[in-house]
PDBML (XML) file of the C-alpha atoms, coordinates in Angstrom:
<?xml version="1.0" encoding="UTF-8" ?>
<PDBx:datablock datablockName="MODEL"
   xmlns:PDBx="http://pdbml.pdb.org/schema/pdbx-v50.xsd"
   xmlns:xsi="http://www.w3.org/2001/XMLSchema-instance"
   xsi:schemaLocation="http://pdbml.pdb.org/schema/pdbx-v50.xsd pdbx-v50.xsd">
   <PDBx:atom_siteCategory>
      <PDBx:atom_site id="1">
         <PDBx:B_iso_or_equiv>0.00</PDBx:B_iso_or_equiv>
         <PDBx:Cartn_x>120.878</PDBx:Cartn_x>
         <PDBx:Cartn_y>113.188</PDBx:Cartn_y>
         <PDBx:Cartn_z>113.011</PDBx:Cartn_z>
         <PDBx:auth_asym_id>A</PDBx:auth_asym_id>
         <PDBx:auth_atom_id>CA</PDBx:auth_atom_id>
         <PDBx:auth_comp_id>LEU</PDBx:auth_comp_id>
         <PDBx:auth_seq_id>1</PDBx:auth_seq_id>
         <PDBx:group_PDB>ATOM</PDBx:group_PDB>
         <PDBx:label_alt_id xsi:nil="true" />
         <PDBx:label_asym_id>A</PDBx:label_asym_id>
         <PDBx:label_atom_id>CA</PDBx:label_atom_id>
         <PDBx:label_comp_id>LEU</PDBx:label_comp_id>
         <PDBx:label_entity_id>1</PDBx:label_entity_id>
         <PDBx:label_seq_id>1</PDBx:label_seq_id>
         <PDBx:occupancy>1.00</PDBx:occupancy>
         <PDBx:pdbx_PDB_model_num>1</PDBx:pdbx_PDB_model_num>
         <PDBx:type_symbol>C</PDBx:type_symbol>
      </PDBx:atom_site>
      <PDBx:atom_site id="2">
         <PDBx:B_iso_or_equiv>0.00</PDBx:B_iso_or_equiv>
         <PDBx:Cartn_x>123.452</PDBx:Cartn_x>
         <PDBx:Cartn_y>115.269</PDBx:Cartn_y>
         <PDBx:Cartn_z>111.159</PDBx:Cartn_z>
         <PDBx:auth_asym_id>A</PDBx:auth_asym_id>
         <PDBx:auth_atom_id>CA</PDBx:auth_atom_id>
         <PDBx:auth_comp_id>ASP</PDBx:auth_comp_id>
         <PDBx:auth_seq_id>2</PDBx:auth_seq_id>
         <PDBx:group_PDB>ATOM</PDBx:group_PDB>
         <PDBx:label_alt_id xsi:nil="true" />
         <PDBx:label_asym_id>A</PDBx:label_asym_id>
         <PDBx:label_atom_id>CA</PDBx:label_atom_id>
         <PDBx:label_comp_id>ASP</PDBx:label_comp_id>
         <PDBx:label_entity_id>1</PDBx:label_entity_id>
         <PDBx:label_seq_id>2</PDBx:label_seq_id>
         <PDBx:occupancy>1.00</PDBx:occupancy>
         <PDBx:pdbx_PDB_model_num>1</PDBx:pdbx_PDB_model_num>
         <PDBx:type_symbol>C</PDBx:type_symbol>
      </PDBx:atom_site>
      <PDBx:atom_site id="3">
         <PDBx:B_iso_or_equiv>0.00</PDBx:B_iso_or_equiv>
         <PDBx:Cartn_x>122.541</PDBx:Cartn_x>
         <PDBx:Cartn_y>116.851</PDBx:Cartn_y>
         <PDBx:Cartn_z>107.822</PDBx:Cartn_z>
         <PDBx:auth_asym_id>A</PDBx:auth_asym_id>
         <PDBx:auth_atom_id>CA</PDBx:auth_atom_id>
         <PDBx:auth_comp_id>GLU</PDBx:auth_comp_id>
         <PDBx:auth_seq_id>3</PDBx:auth_seq_id>
         <PDBx:group_PDB>ATOM</PDBx:group_PDB>
         <PDBx:label_alt_id xsi:nil="true" />
         <PDBx:label_asym_id>A</PDBx:label_asym_id>
         <PDBx:label_atom_id>CA</PDBx:label_atom_id>
         <PDBx:label_comp_id>GLU</PDBx:label_comp_id>
         <PDBx:label_entity_id>1</PDBx:label_entity_id>
         <PDBx:label_seq_id>3</PDBx:label_seq_id>
         <PDBx:occupancy>1.00</PDBx:occupancy>
         <PDBx:pdbx_PDB_model_num>1</PDBx:pdbx_PDB_model_num>
         <PDBx:type_symbol>C</PDBx:type_symbol>
      </PDBx:atom_site>
      <PDBx:atom_site id="4">
         <PDBx:B_iso_or_equiv>0.00</PDBx:B_iso_or_equiv>
         <PDBx:Cartn_x>124.286</PDBx:Cartn_x>
         <PDBx:Cartn_y>114.293</PDBx:Cartn_y>
         <PDBx:Cartn_z>105.589</PDBx:Cartn_z>
         <PDBx:auth_asym_id>A</PDBx:auth_asym_id>
         <PDBx:auth_atom_id>CA</PDBx:auth_atom_id>
         <PDBx:auth_comp_id>GLU</PDBx:auth_comp_id>
         <PDBx:auth_seq_id>4</PDBx:auth_seq_id>
         <PDBx:group_PDB>ATOM</PDBx:group_PDB>
         <PDBx:label_alt_id xsi:nil="true" />
         <PDBx:label_asym_id>A</PDBx:label_asym_id>
         <PDBx:label_atom_id>CA</PDBx:label_atom_id>
         <PDBx:label_comp_id>GLU</PDBx:label_comp_id>
         <PDBx:label_entity_id>1</PDBx:label_entity_id>
         <PDBx:label_seq_id>4</PDBx:label_seq_id>
         <PDBx:occupancy>1.00</PDBx:occupancy>
         <PDBx:pdbx_PDB_model_num>1</PDBx:pdbx_PDB_model_num>
         <PDBx:type_symbol>C</PDBx:type_symbol>
      </PDBx:atom_site>
      <PDBx:atom_site id="5">
         <PDBx:B_iso_or_equiv>0.00</PDBx:B_iso_or_equiv>
         <PDBx:Cartn_x>122.426</PDBx:Cartn_x>
         <PDBx:Cartn_y>111.423</PDBx:Cartn_y>
         <PDBx:Cartn_z>107.232</PDBx:Cartn_z>
         <PDBx:auth_asym_id>A</PDBx:auth_asym_id>
         <PDBx:auth_atom_id>CA</PDBx:auth_atom_id>
         <PDBx:auth_comp_id>VAL</PDBx:auth_comp_id>
         <PDBx:auth_seq_id>5</PDBx:auth_seq_id>
         <PDBx:group_PDB>ATOM</PDBx:group_PDB>
         <PDBx:label_alt_id xsi:nil="true" />
         <PDBx:label_asym_id>A</PDBx:label_asym_id>
         <PDBx:label_atom_id>CA</PDBx:label_atom_id>
         <PDBx:label_comp_id>VAL</PDBx:label_comp_id>
         <PDBx:label_entity_id>1</PDBx:label_entity_id>
         <PDBx:label_seq_id>5</PDBx:label_seq_id>
         <PDBx:occupancy>1.00</PDBx:occupancy>
         <PDBx:pdbx_PDB_model_num>1</PDBx:pdbx_PDB_model_num>
         <PDBx:type_symbol>C</PDBx:type_symbol>
      </PDBx:atom_site>
      <PDBx:atom_site id="6">
         <PDBx:B_iso_or_equiv>0.00</PDBx:B_iso_or_equiv>
         <PDBx:Cartn_x>119.134</PDBx:Cartn_x>
         <PDBx:Cartn_y>113.330</PDBx:Cartn_y>
         <PDBx:Cartn_z>107.009</PDBx:Cartn_z>
         <PDBx:auth_asym_id>A</PDBx:auth_asym_id>
         <PDBx:auth_atom_id>CA</PDBx:auth_atom_id>
         <PDBx:auth_comp_id>LYS</PDBx:auth_comp_id>
         <PDBx:auth_seq_id>6</PDBx:auth_seq_id>
         <PDBx:group_PDB>ATOM</PDBx:group_PDB>
         <PDBx:label_alt_id xsi:nil="true" />
         <PDBx:label_asym_id>A</PDBx:label_asym_id>
         <PDBx:label_atom_id>CA</PDBx:label_atom_id>
         <PDBx:label_comp_id>LYS</PDBx:label_comp_id>
         <PDBx:label_entity_id>1</PDBx:label_entity_id>
         <PDBx:label_seq_id>6</PDBx:label_seq_id>
         <PDBx:occupancy>1.00</PDBx:occupancy>
         <PDBx:pdbx_PDB_model_num>1</PDBx:pdbx_PDB_model_num>
         <PDBx:type_symbol>C</PDBx:type_symbol>
      </PDBx:atom_site>
      <PDBx:atom_site id="7">
         <PDBx:B_iso_or_equiv>0.00</PDBx:B_iso_or_equiv>
         <PDBx:Cartn_x>119.599</PDBx:Cartn_x>
         <PDBx:Cartn_y>113.764</PDBx:Cartn_y>
         <PDBx:Cartn_z>103.269</PDBx:Cartn_z>
         <PDBx:auth_asym_id>A</PDBx:auth_asym_id>
         <PDBx:auth_atom_id>CA</PDBx:auth_atom_id>
         <PDBx:auth_comp_id>VAL</PDBx:auth_comp_id>
         <PDBx:auth_seq_id>7</PDBx:auth_seq_id>
         <PDBx:group_PDB>ATOM</PDBx:group_PDB>
         <PDBx:label_alt_id xsi:nil="true" />
         <PDBx:label_asym_id>A</PDBx:label_asym_id>
         <PDBx:label_atom_id>CA</PDBx:label_atom_id>
         <PDBx:label_comp_id>VAL</PDBx:label_comp_id>
         <PDBx:label_entity_id>1</PDBx:label_entity_id>
         <PDBx:label_seq_id>7</PDBx:label_seq_id>
         <PDBx:occupancy>1.00</PDBx:occupancy>
         <PDBx:pdbx_PDB_model_num>1</PDBx:pdbx_PDB_model_num>
         <PDBx:type_symbol>C</PDBx:type_symbol>
      </PDBx:atom_site>
      <PDBx:atom_site id="8">
         <PDBx:B_iso_or_equiv>0.00</PDBx:B_iso_or_equiv>
         <PDBx:Cartn_x>120.333</PDBx:Cartn_x>
         <PDBx:Cartn_y>110.071</PDBx:Cartn_y>
         <PDBx:Cartn_z>102.802</PDBx:Cartn_z>
         <PDBx:auth_asym_id>A</PDBx:auth_asym_id>
         <PDBx:auth_atom_id>CA</PDBx:auth_atom_id>
         <PDBx:auth_comp_id>ARG</PDBx:auth_comp_id>
         <PDBx:auth_seq_id>8</PDBx:auth_seq_id>
         <PDBx:group_PDB>ATOM</PDBx:group_PDB>
         <PDBx:label_alt_id xsi:nil="true" />
         <PDBx:label_asym_id>A</PDBx:label_asym_id>
         <PDBx:label_atom_id>CA</PDBx:label_atom_id>
         <PDBx:label_comp_id>ARG</PDBx:label_comp_id>
         <PDBx:label_entity_id>1</PDBx:label_entity_id>
         <PDBx:label_seq_id>8</PDBx:label_seq_id>
         <PDBx:occupancy>1.00</PDBx:occupancy>
         <PDBx:pdbx_PDB_model_num>1</PDBx:pdbx_PDB_model_num>
         <PDBx:type_symbol>C</PDBx:type_symbol>
      </PDBx:atom_site>
      <PDBx:atom_site id="9">
         <PDBx:B_iso_or_equiv>0.00</PDBx:B_iso_or_equiv>
         <PDBx:Cartn_x>117.263</PDBx:Cartn_x>
         <PDBx:Cartn_y>109.109</PDBx:Cartn_y>
         <PDBx:Cartn_z>104.850</PDBx:Cartn_z>
         <PDBx:auth_asym_id>A</PDBx:auth_asym_id>
         <PDBx:auth_atom_id>CA</PDBx:auth_atom_id>
         <PDBx:auth_comp_id>VAL</PDBx:auth_comp_id>
         <PDBx:auth_seq_id>9</PDBx:auth_seq_id>
         <PDBx:group_PDB>ATOM</PDBx:group_PDB>
         <PDBx:label_alt_id xsi:nil="true" />
         <PDBx:label_asym_id>A</PDBx:label_asym_id>
         <PDBx:label_atom_id>CA</PDBx:label_atom_id>
         <PDBx:label_comp_id>VAL</PDBx:label_comp_id>
         <PDBx:label_entity_id>1</PDBx:label_entity_id>
         <PDBx:label_seq_id>9</PDBx:label_seq_id>
         <PDBx:occupancy>1.00</PDBx:occupancy>
         <PDBx:pdbx_PDB_model_num>1</PDBx:pdbx_PDB_model_num>
         <PDBx:type_symbol>C</PDBx:type_symbol>
      </PDBx:atom_site>
      <PDBx:atom_site id="10">
         <PDBx:B_iso_or_equiv>0.00</PDBx:B_iso_or_equiv>
         <PDBx:Cartn_x>115.042</PDBx:Cartn_x>
         <PDBx:Cartn_y>111.526</PDBx:Cartn_y>
         <PDBx:Cartn_z>102.934</PDBx:Cartn_z>
         <PDBx:auth_asym_id>A</PDBx:auth_asym_id>
         <PDBx:auth_atom_id>CA</PDBx:auth_atom_id>
         <PDBx:auth_comp_id>LEU</PDBx:auth_comp_id>
         <PDBx:auth_seq_id>10</PDBx:auth_seq_id>
         <PDBx:group_PDB>ATOM</PDBx:group_PDB>
         <PDBx:label_alt_id xsi:nil="true" />
         <PDBx:label_asym_id>A</PDBx:label_asym_id>
         <PDBx:label_atom_id>CA</PDBx:label_atom_id>
         <PDBx:label_comp_id>LEU</PDBx:label_comp_id>
         <PDBx:label_entity_id>1</PDBx:label_entity_id>
         <PDBx:label_seq_id>10</PDBx:label_seq_id>
         <PDBx:occupancy>1.00</PDBx:occupancy>
         <PDBx:pdbx_PDB_model_num>1</PDBx:pdbx_PDB_model_num>
         <PDBx:type_symbol>C</PDBx:type_symbol>
      </PDBx:atom_site>
      <PDBx:atom_site id="11">
         <PDBx:B_iso_or_equiv>0.00</PDBx:B_iso_or_equiv>
         <PDBx:Cartn_x>116.305</PDBx:Cartn_x>
         <PDBx:Cartn_y>110.173</PDBx:Cartn_y>
         <PDBx:Cartn_z>99.613</PDBx:Cartn_z>
         <PDBx:auth_asym_id>A</PDBx:auth_asym_id>
         <PDBx:auth_atom_id>CA</PDBx:auth_atom_id>
         <PDBx:auth_comp_id>ARG</PDBx:auth_comp_id>
         <PDBx:auth_seq_id>11</PDBx:auth_seq_id>
         <PDBx:group_PDB>ATOM</PDBx:group_PDB>
         <PDBx:label_alt_id xsi:nil="true" />
         <PDBx:label_asym_id>A</PDBx:label_asym_id>
         <PDBx:label_atom_id>CA</PDBx:label_atom_id>
         <PDBx:label_comp_id>ARG</PDBx:label_comp_id>
         <PDBx:label_entity_id>1</PDBx:label_entity_id>
         <PDBx:label_seq_id>11</PDBx:label_seq_id>
         <PDBx:occupancy>1.00</PDBx:occupancy>
         <PDBx:pdbx_PDB_model_num>1</PDBx:pdbx_PDB_model_num>
         <PDBx:type_symbol>C</PDBx:type_symbol>
      </PDBx:atom_site>
      <PDBx:atom_site id="12">
         <PDBx:B_iso_or_equiv>0.00</PDBx:B_iso_or_equiv>
         <PDBx:Cartn_x>115.432</PDBx:Cartn_x>
         <PDBx:Cartn_y>106.640</PDBx:Cartn_y>
         <PDBx:Cartn_z>100.666</PDBx:Cartn_z>
         <PDBx:auth_asym_id>A</PDBx:auth_asym_id>
         <PDBx:auth_atom_id>CA</PDBx:auth_atom_id>
         <PDBx:auth_comp_id>LEU</PDBx:auth_comp_id>
         <PDBx:auth_seq_id>12</PDBx:auth_seq_id>
         <PDBx:group_PDB>ATOM</PDBx:group_PDB>
         <PDBx:label_alt_id xsi:nil="true" />
         <PDBx:label_asym_id>A</PDBx:label_asym_id>
         <PDBx:label_atom_id>CA</PDBx:label_atom_id>
         <PDBx:label_comp_id>LEU</PDBx:label_comp_id>
         <PDBx:label_entity_id>1</PDBx:label_entity_id>
         <PDBx:label_seq_id>12</PDBx:label_seq_id>
         <PDBx:occupancy>1.00</PDBx:occupancy>
         <PDBx:pdbx_PDB_model_num>1</PDBx:pdbx_PDB_model_num>
         <PDBx:type_symbol>C</PDBx:type_symbol>
      </PDBx:atom_site>
      <PDBx:atom_site id="13">
         <PDBx:B_iso_or_equiv>0.00</PDBx:B_iso_or_equiv>
         <PDBx:Cartn_x>112.023</PDBx:Cartn_x>
         <PDBx:Cartn_y>107.666</PDBx:Cartn_y>
         <PDBx:Cartn_z>101.978</PDBx:Cartn_z>
         <PDBx:auth_asym_id>A</PDBx:auth_asym_id>
         <PDBx:auth_atom_id>CA</PDBx:auth_atom_id>
         <PDBx:auth_comp_id>CYS</PDBx:auth_comp_id>
         <PDBx:auth_seq_id>13</PDBx:auth_seq_id>
         <PDBx:group_PDB>ATOM</PDBx:group_PDB>
         <PDBx:label_alt_id xsi:nil="true" />
         <PDBx:label_asym_id>A</PDBx:label_asym_id>
         <PDBx:label_atom_id>CA</PDBx:label_atom_id>
         <PDBx:label_comp_id>CYS</PDBx:label_comp_id>
         <PDBx:label_entity_id>1</PDBx:label_entity_id>
         <PDBx:label_seq_id>13</PDBx:label_seq_id>
         <PDBx:occupancy>1.00</PDBx:occupancy>
         <PDBx:pdbx_PDB_model_num>1</PDBx:pdbx_PDB_model_num>
         <PDBx:type_symbol>C</PDBx:type_symbol>
      </PDBx:atom_site>
      <PDBx:atom_site id="14">
         <PDBx:B_iso_or_equiv>0.00</PDBx:B_iso_or_equiv>
         <PDBx:Cartn_x>111.196</PDBx:Cartn_x>
         <PDBx:Cartn_y>109.733</PDBx:Cartn_y>
         <PDBx:Cartn_z>98.868</PDBx:Cartn_z>
         <PDBx:auth_asym_id>A</PDBx:auth_asym_id>
         <PDBx:auth_atom_id>CA</PDBx:auth_atom_id>
         <PDBx:auth_comp_id>ALA</PDBx:auth_comp_id>
         <PDBx:auth_seq_id>14</PDBx:auth_seq_id>
         <PDBx:group_PDB>ATOM</PDBx:group_PDB>
         <PDBx:label_alt_id xsi:nil="true" />
         <PDBx:label_asym_id>A</PDBx:label_asym_id>
         <PDBx:label_atom_id>CA</PDBx:label_atom_id>
         <PDBx:label_comp_id>ALA</PDBx:label_comp_id>
         <PDBx:label_entity_id>1</PDBx:label_entity_id>
         <PDBx:label_seq_id>14</PDBx:label_seq_id>
         <PDBx:occupancy>1.00</PDBx:occupancy>
         <PDBx:pdbx_PDB_model_num>1</PDBx:pdbx_PDB_model_num>
         <PDBx:type_symbol>C</PDBx:type_symbol>
      </PDBx:atom_site>
      <PDBx:atom_site id="15">
         <PDBx:B_iso_or_equiv>0.00</PDBx:B_iso_or_equiv>
         <PDBx:Cartn_x>111.996</PDBx:Cartn_x>
         <PDBx:Cartn_y>106.819</PDBx:Cartn_y>
         <PDBx:Cartn_z>96.563</PDBx:Cartn_z>
         <PDBx:auth_asym_id>A</PDBx:auth_asym_id>
         <PDBx:auth_atom_id>CA</PDBx:auth_atom_id>
         <PDBx:auth_comp_id>LEU</PDBx:auth_comp_id>
         <PDBx:auth_seq_id>15</PDBx:auth_seq_id>
         <PDBx:group_PDB>ATOM</PDBx:group_PDB>
         <PDBx:label_alt_id xsi:nil="true" />
         <PDBx:label_asym_id>A</PDBx:label_asym_id>
         <PDBx:label_atom_id>CA</PDBx:label_atom_id>
         <PDBx:label_comp_id>LEU</PDBx:label_comp_id>
         <PDBx:label_entity_id>1</PDBx:label_entity_id>
         <PDBx:label_seq_id>15</PDBx:label_seq_id>
         <PDBx:occupancy>1.00</PDBx:occupancy>
         <PDBx:pdbx_PDB_model_num>1</PDBx:pdbx_PDB_model_num>
         <PDBx:type_symbol>C</PDBx:type_symbol>
      </PDBx:atom_site>
      <PDBx:atom_site id="16">
         <PDBx:B_iso_or_equiv>0.00</PDBx:B_iso_or_equiv>
         <PDBx:Cartn_x>109.695</PDBx:Cartn_x>
         <PDBx:Cartn_y>104.582</PDBx:Cartn_y>
         <PDBx:Cartn_z>98.556</PDBx:Cartn_z>
         <PDBx:auth_asym_id>A</PDBx:auth_asym_id>
         <PDBx:auth_atom_id>CA</PDBx:auth_atom_id>
         <PDBx:auth_comp_id>PHE</PDBx:auth_comp_id>
         <PDBx:auth_seq_id>16</PDBx:auth_seq_id>
         <PDBx:group_PDB>ATOM</PDBx:group_PDB>
         <PDBx:label_alt_id xsi:nil="true" />
         <PDBx:label_asym_id>A</PDBx:label_asym_id>
         <PDBx:label_atom_id>CA</PDBx:label_atom_id>
         <PDBx:label_comp_id>PHE</PDBx:label_comp_id>
         <PDBx:label_entity_id>1</PDBx:label_entity_id>
         <PDBx:label_seq_id>16</PDBx:label_seq_id>
         <PDBx:occupancy>1.00</PDBx:occupancy>
         <PDBx:pdbx_PDB_model_num>1</PDBx:pdbx_PDB_model_num>
         <PDBx:type_symbol>C</PDBx:type_symbol>
      </PDBx:atom_site>
      <PDBx:atom_site id="17">
         <PDBx:B_iso_or_equiv>0.00</PDBx:B_iso_or_equiv>
         <PDBx:Cartn_x>106.688</PDBx:Cartn_x>
         <PDBx:Cartn_y>106.814</PDBx:Cartn_y>
         <PDBx:Cartn_z>99.045</PDBx:Cartn_z>
         <PDBx:auth_asym_id>A</PDBx:auth_asym_id>
         <PDBx:auth_atom_id>CA</PDBx:auth_atom_id>
         <PDBx:auth_comp_id>VAL</PDBx:auth_comp_id>
         <PDBx:auth_seq_id>17</PDBx:auth_seq_id>
         <PDBx:group_PDB>ATOM</PDBx:group_PDB>
         <PDBx:label_alt_id xsi:nil="true" />
         <PDBx:label_asym_id>A</PDBx:label_asym_id>
         <PDBx:label_atom_id>CA</PDBx:label_atom_id>
         <PDBx:label_comp_id>VAL</PDBx:label_comp_id>
         <PDBx:label_entity_id>1</PDBx:label_entity_id>
         <PDBx:label_seq_id>17</PDBx:label_seq_id>
         <PDBx:occupancy>1.00</PDBx:occupancy>
         <PDBx:pdbx_PDB_model_num>1</PDBx:pdbx_PDB_model_num>
         <PDBx:type_symbol>C</PDBx:type_symbol>
      </PDBx:atom_site>
      <PDBx:atom_site id="18">
         <PDBx:B_iso_or_equiv>0.00</PDBx:B_iso_or_equiv>
         <PDBx:Cartn_x>106.749</PDBx:Cartn_x>
         <PDBx:Cartn_y>107.764</PDBx:Cartn_y>
         <PDBx:Cartn_z>95.340</PDBx:Cartn_z>
         <PDBx:auth_asym_id>A</PDBx:auth_asym_id>
         <PDBx:auth_atom_id>CA</PDBx:auth_atom_id>
         <PDBx:auth_comp_id>ALA</PDBx:auth_comp_id>
         <PDBx:auth_seq_id>18</PDBx:auth_seq_id>
         <PDBx:group_PDB>ATOM</PDBx:group_PDB>
         <PDBx:label_alt_id xsi:nil="true" />
         <PDBx:label_asym_id>A</PDBx:label_asym_id>
         <PDBx:label_atom_id>CA</PDBx:label_atom_id>
         <PDBx:label_comp_id>ALA</PDBx:label_comp_id>
         <PDBx:label_entity_id>1</PDBx:label_entity_id>
         <PDBx:label_seq_id>18</PDBx:label_seq_id>
         <PDBx:occupancy>1.00</PDBx:occupancy>
         <PDBx:pdbx_PDB_model_num>1</PDBx:pdbx_PDB_model_num>
         <PDBx:type_symbol>C</PDBx:type_symbol>
      </PDBx:atom_site>
      <PDBx:atom_site id="19">
         <PDBx:B_iso_or_equiv>0.00</PDBx:B_iso_or_equiv>
         <PDBx:Cartn_x>107.069</PDBx:Cartn_x>
         <PDBx:Cartn_y>104.122</PDBx:Cartn_y>
         <PDBx:Cartn_z>94.358</PDBx:Cartn_z>
         <PDBx:auth_asym_id>A</PDBx:auth_asym_id>
         <PDBx:auth_atom_id>CA</PDBx:auth_atom_id>
         <PDBx:auth_comp_id>GLY</PDBx:auth_comp_id>
         <PDBx:auth_seq_id>19</PDBx:auth_seq_id>
         <PDBx:group_PDB>ATOM</PDBx:group_PDB>
         <PDBx:label_alt_id xsi:nil="true" />
         <PDBx:label_asym_id>A</PDBx:label_asym_id>
         <PDBx:label_atom_id>CA</PDBx:label_atom_id>
         <PDBx:label_comp_id>GLY</PDBx:label_comp_id>
         <PDBx:label_entity_id>1</PDBx:label_entity_id>
         <PDBx:label_seq_id>19</PDBx:label_seq_id>
         <PDBx:occupancy>1.00</PDBx:occupancy>
         <PDBx:pdbx_PDB_model_num>1</PDBx:pdbx_PDB_model_num>
         <PDBx:type_symbol>C</PDBx:type_symbol>
      </PDBx:atom_site>
      <PDBx:atom_site id="20">
         <PDBx:B_iso_or_equiv>0.00</PDBx:B_iso_or_equiv>
         <PDBx:Cartn_x>104.168</PDBx:Cartn_x>
         <PDBx:Cartn_y>103.083</PDBx:Cartn_y>
         <PDBx:Cartn_z>96.576</PDBx:Cartn_z>
         <PDBx:auth_asym_id>A</PDBx:auth_asym_id>
         <PDBx:auth_atom_id>CA</PDBx:auth_atom_id>
         <PDBx:auth_comp_id>GLU</PDBx:auth_comp_id>
         <PDBx:auth_seq_id>20</PDBx:auth_seq_id>
         <PDBx:group_PDB>ATOM</PDBx:group_PDB>
         <PDBx:label_alt_id xsi:nil="true" />
         <PDBx:label_asym_id>A</PDBx:label_asym_id>
         <PDBx:label_atom_id>CA</PDBx:label_atom_id>
         <PDBx:label_comp_id>GLU</PDBx:label_comp_id>
         <PDBx:label_entity_id>1</PDBx:label_entity_id>
         <PDBx:label_seq_id>20</PDBx:label_seq_id>
         <PDBx:occupancy>1.00</PDBx:occupancy>
         <PDBx:pdbx_PDB_model_num>1</PDBx:pdbx_PDB_model_num>
         <PDBx:type_symbol>C</PDBx:type_symbol>
      </PDBx:atom_site>
      <PDBx:atom_site id="21">
         <PDBx:B_iso_or_equiv>0.00</PDBx:B_iso_or_equiv>
         <PDBx:Cartn_x>102.029</PDBx:Cartn_x>
         <PDBx:Cartn_y>105.832</PDBx:Cartn_y>
         <PDBx:Cartn_z>95.063</PDBx:Cartn_z>
         <PDBx:auth_asym_id>A</PDBx:auth_asym_id>
         <PDBx:auth_atom_id>CA</PDBx:auth_atom_id>
         <PDBx:auth_comp_id>GLU</PDBx:auth_comp_id>
         <PDBx:auth_seq_id>21</PDBx:auth_seq_id>
         <PDBx:group_PDB>ATOM</PDBx:group_PDB>
         <PDBx:label_alt_id xsi:nil="true" />
         <PDBx:label_asym_id>A</PDBx:label_asym_id>
         <PDBx:label_atom_id>CA</PDBx:label_atom_id>
         <PDBx:label_comp_id>GLU</PDBx:label_comp_id>
         <PDBx:label_entity_id>1</PDBx:label_entity_id>
         <PDBx:label_seq_id>21</PDBx:label_seq_id>
         <PDBx:occupancy>1.00</PDBx:occupancy>
         <PDBx:pdbx_PDB_model_num>1</PDBx:pdbx_PDB_model_num>
         <PDBx:type_symbol>C</PDBx:type_symbol>
      </PDBx:atom_site>
      <PDBx:atom_site id="22">
         <PDBx:B_iso_or_equiv>0.00</PDBx:B_iso_or_equiv>
         <PDBx:Cartn_x>102.940</PDBx:Cartn_x>
         <PDBx:Cartn_y>104.705</PDBx:Cartn_y>
         <PDBx:Cartn_z>91.535</PDBx:Cartn_z>
         <PDBx:auth_asym_id>A</PDBx:auth_asym_id>
         <PDBx:auth_atom_id>CA</PDBx:auth_atom_id>
         <PDBx:auth_comp_id>ALA</PDBx:auth_comp_id>
         <PDBx:auth_seq_id>22</PDBx:auth_seq_id>
         <PDBx:group_PDB>ATOM</PDBx:group_PDB>
         <PDBx:label_alt_id xsi:nil="true" />
         <PDBx:label_asym_id>A</PDBx:label_asym_id>
         <PDBx:label_atom_id>CA</PDBx:label_atom_id>
         <PDBx:label_comp_id>ALA</PDBx:label_comp_id>
         <PDBx:label_entity_id>1</PDBx:label_entity_id>
         <PDBx:label_seq_id>22</PDBx:label_seq_id>
         <PDBx:occupancy>1.00</PDBx:occupancy>
         <PDBx:pdbx_PDB_model_num>1</PDBx:pdbx_PDB_model_num>
         <PDBx:type_symbol>C</PDBx:type_symbol>
      </PDBx:atom_site>
      <PDBx:atom_site id="23">
         <PDBx:B_iso_or_equiv>0.00</PDBx:B_iso_or_equiv>
         <PDBx:Cartn_x>102.073</PDBx:Cartn_x>
         <PDBx:Cartn_y>101.062</PDBx:Cartn_y>
         <PDBx:Cartn_z>92.117</PDBx:Cartn_z>
         <PDBx:auth_asym_id>A</PDBx:auth_asym_id>
         <PDBx:auth_atom_id>CA</PDBx:auth_atom_id>
         <PDBx:auth_comp_id>VAL</PDBx:auth_comp_id>
         <PDBx:auth_seq_id>23</PDBx:auth_seq_id>
         <PDBx:group_PDB>ATOM</PDBx:group_PDB>
         <PDBx:label_alt_id xsi:nil="true" />
         <PDBx:label_asym_id>A</PDBx:label_asym_id>
         <PDBx:label_atom_id>CA</PDBx:label_atom_id>
         <PDBx:label_comp_id>VAL</PDBx:label_comp_id>
         <PDBx:label_entity_id>1</PDBx:label_entity_id>
         <PDBx:label_seq_id>23</PDBx:label_seq_id>
         <PDBx:occupancy>1.00</PDBx:occupancy>
         <PDBx:pdbx_PDB_model_num>1</PDBx:pdbx_PDB_model_num>
         <PDBx:type_symbol>C</PDBx:type_symbol>
      </PDBx:atom_site>
      <PDBx:atom_site id="24">
         <PDBx:B_iso_or_equiv>0.00</PDBx:B_iso_or_equiv>
         <PDBx:Cartn_x>98.799</PDBx:Cartn_x>
         <PDBx:Cartn_y>102.061</PDBx:Cartn_y>
         <PDBx:Cartn_z>93.804</PDBx:Cartn_z>
         <PDBx:auth_asym_id>A</PDBx:auth_asym_id>
         <PDBx:auth_atom_id>CA</PDBx:auth_atom_id>
         <PDBx:auth_comp_id>THR</PDBx:auth_comp_id>
         <PDBx:auth_seq_id>24</PDBx:auth_seq_id>
         <PDBx:group_PDB>ATOM</PDBx:group_PDB>
         <PDBx:label_alt_id xsi:nil="true" />
         <PDBx:label_asym_id>A</PDBx:label_asym_id>
         <PDBx:label_atom_id>CA</PDBx:label_atom_id>
         <PDBx:label_comp_id>THR</PDBx:label_comp_id>
         <PDBx:label_entity_id>1</PDBx:label_entity_id>
         <PDBx:label_seq_id>24</PDBx:label_seq_id>
         <PDBx:occupancy>1.00</PDBx:occupancy>
         <PDBx:pdbx_PDB_model_num>1</PDBx:pdbx_PDB_model_num>
         <PDBx:type_symbol>C</PDBx:type_symbol>
      </PDBx:atom_site>
   </PDBx:atom_siteCategory>
</PDBx:datablock>
């Protein structure tokens, strides 16, 4: 993946893993 796509994927993943931790 190019860098712009990597950033977008990481943003999406970060929002989810943090959210899952919060609800846990």
